[in-house]
Amino acid sequence: MSISLSRKFHNKKYMWDGMNYENGDKAAEAAEAYRKDGFEVEQVVEEDRYLVYTRRVVAVQSAG
């Protein structure tokens, strides 16, 4: 089974971080690091694979 590069959670698009974590603890550590960097995070277990999906809203700055 292939891994979806993006998924929707709560009507918001999240992107897979590209890693297959060996266990839930490793995925949770990665998720916490993303949260500290300002990302929203969702963790998923699919067929014994631990995945992390992230999103962050980027603010557009005016060129003024």
C-alpha atoms as a PDB file:
ATOM      1  CA  MET A   1       0.000   0.000   0.000  1.00  0.00           C
ATOM      2  CA  SER A   2       1.306   3.447  -0.871  1.00  0.00           C
ATOM      3  CA  ILE A   3       1.322   6.283   1.610  1.00  0.00           C
ATOM      4  CA  SER A   4      -0.761   9.359   0.851  1.00  0.00           C
ATOM      5  CA  LEU A   5       1.417  12.445   0.572  1.00  0.00           C
ATOM      6  CA  SER A   6      -1.457  14.571   1.821  1.00  0.00           C
ATOM      7  CA  ARG A   7      -4.569  13.888   3.873  1.00  0.00           C
ATOM      8  CA  LYS A   8      -7.443  15.906   5.254  1.00  0.00           C
ATOM      9  CA  PHE A   9      -8.120  16.046   8.971  1.00  0.00           C
ATOM     10  CA  HIS A  10     -10.850  18.321  10.357  1.00  0.00           C
ATOM     11  CA  ASN A  11     -11.365  19.777   6.844  1.00  0.00           C
ATOM     12  CA  LYS A  12      -7.718  20.929   6.708  1.00  0.00           C
ATOM     13  CA  LYS A  13      -4.975  19.613   4.413  1.00  0.00           C
ATOM     14  CA  TYR A  14      -1.919  18.062   6.074  1.00  0.00           C
ATOM     15  CA  MET A  15       1.260  16.856   4.380  1.00  0.00           C
ATOM     16  CA  TRP A  16       3.143  13.654   5.278  1.00  0.00           C
ATOM     17  CA  ASP A  17       6.613  14.390   6.637  1.00  0.00           C
ATOM     18  CA  GLY A  18       8.128  11.567   4.552  1.00  0.00           C
ATOM     19  CA  MET A  19       9.225   9.360   7.436  1.00  0.00           C
ATOM     20  CA  ASN A  20       8.137   5.867   8.513  1.00  0.00           C
ATOM     21  CA  TYR A  21       8.694   5.842  12.279  1.00  0.00           C
ATOM     22  CA  GLU A  22       9.591   2.523  13.904  1.00  0.00           C
ATOM     23  CA  ASN A  23       7.168   2.987  16.785  1.00  0.00           C
ATOM     24  CA  GLY A  24       4.631   5.328  18.302  1.00  0.00           C
ATOM     25  CA  ASP A  25       7.163   6.864  20.685  1.00  0.00           C
ATOM     26  CA  LYS A  26       9.432   7.967  17.827  1.00  0.00           C
ATOM     27  CA  ALA A  27       6.441   9.392  15.944  1.00  0.00           C
ATOM     28  CA  ALA A  28       5.314  11.236  19.083  1.00  0.00           C
ATOM     29  CA  GLU A  29       8.812  12.741  19.523  1.00  0.00           C
ATOM     30  CA  ALA A  30       8.766  13.986  15.927  1.00  0.00           C
ATOM     31  CA  ALA A  31       5.230  15.332  16.347  1.00  0.00           C
ATOM     32  CA  GLU A  32       6.235  17.269  19.456  1.00  0.00           C
ATOM     33  CA  ALA A  33       9.231  18.800  17.648  1.00  0.00           C
ATOM     34  CA  TYR A  34       6.924  19.937  14.827  1.00  0.00           C
ATOM     35  CA  ARG A  35       4.477  21.423  17.368  1.00  0.00           C
ATOM     36  CA  LYS A  36       7.309  23.413  18.971  1.00  0.00           C
ATOM     37  CA  ASP A  37       8.067  24.816  15.492  1.00  0.00           C
ATOM     38  CA  GLY A  38       4.477  26.016  15.107  1.00  0.00           C
ATOM     39  CA  PHE A  39       2.979  23.161  13.079  1.00  0.00           C
ATOM     40  CA  GLU A  40      -0.382  21.491  13.560  1.00  0.00           C
ATOM     41  CA  VAL A  41       0.222  17.735  13.712  1.00  0.00           C
ATOM     42  CA  GLU A  42      -1.749  14.512  13.219  1.00  0.00           C
ATOM     43  CA  GLN A  43      -0.345  11.037  13.852  1.00  0.00           C
ATOM     44  CA  VAL A  44      -1.565   7.976  11.945  1.00  0.00           C
ATOM     45  CA  VAL A  45      -0.898   4.245  12.234  1.00  0.00           C
ATOM     46  CA  GLU A  46      -1.342   2.357   8.946  1.00  0.00           C
ATOM     47  CA  GLU A  47      -0.428  -1.316   8.636  1.00  0.00           C
ATOM     48  CA  ASP A  48       2.132  -1.151  11.470  1.00  0.00           C
ATOM     49  CA  ARG A  49       3.627   2.061  10.075  1.00  0.00           C
ATOM     50  CA  TYR A  50       3.707   5.168  12.232  1.00  0.00           C
ATOM     51  CA  LEU A  51       3.224   8.323  10.175  1.00  0.00           C
ATOM     52  CA  VAL A  52       3.174  12.031  10.979  1.00  0.00           C
ATOM     53  CA  TYR A  53       1.220  14.600   8.979  1.00  0.00           C
ATOM     54  CA  THR A  54       1.807  18.319   9.498  1.00  0.00           C
ATOM     55  CA  ARG A  55       0.450  21.674   8.423  1.00  0.00           C
ATOM     56  CA  ARG A  56       1.277  25.289   9.096  1.00  0.00           C
ATOM     57  CA  VAL A  57      -0.449  28.396   7.824  1.00  0.00           C
ATOM     58  CA  VAL A  58       1.988  30.753   6.147  1.00  0.00           C
ATOM     59  CA  ALA A  59       1.190  34.435   6.413  1.00  0.00           C
ATOM     60  CA  VAL A  60       1.711  36.525   3.293  1.00  0.00           C
ATOM     61  CA  GLN A  61       3.628  39.730   3.927  1.00  0.00           C
ATOM     62  CA  SER A  62       3.107  42.795   1.810  1.00  0.00           C
ATOM     63  CA  ALA A  63       6.066  44.100  -0.180  1.00  0.00           C
ATOM     64  CA  GLY A  64       5.714  47.557   1.270  1.00  0.00           C
END
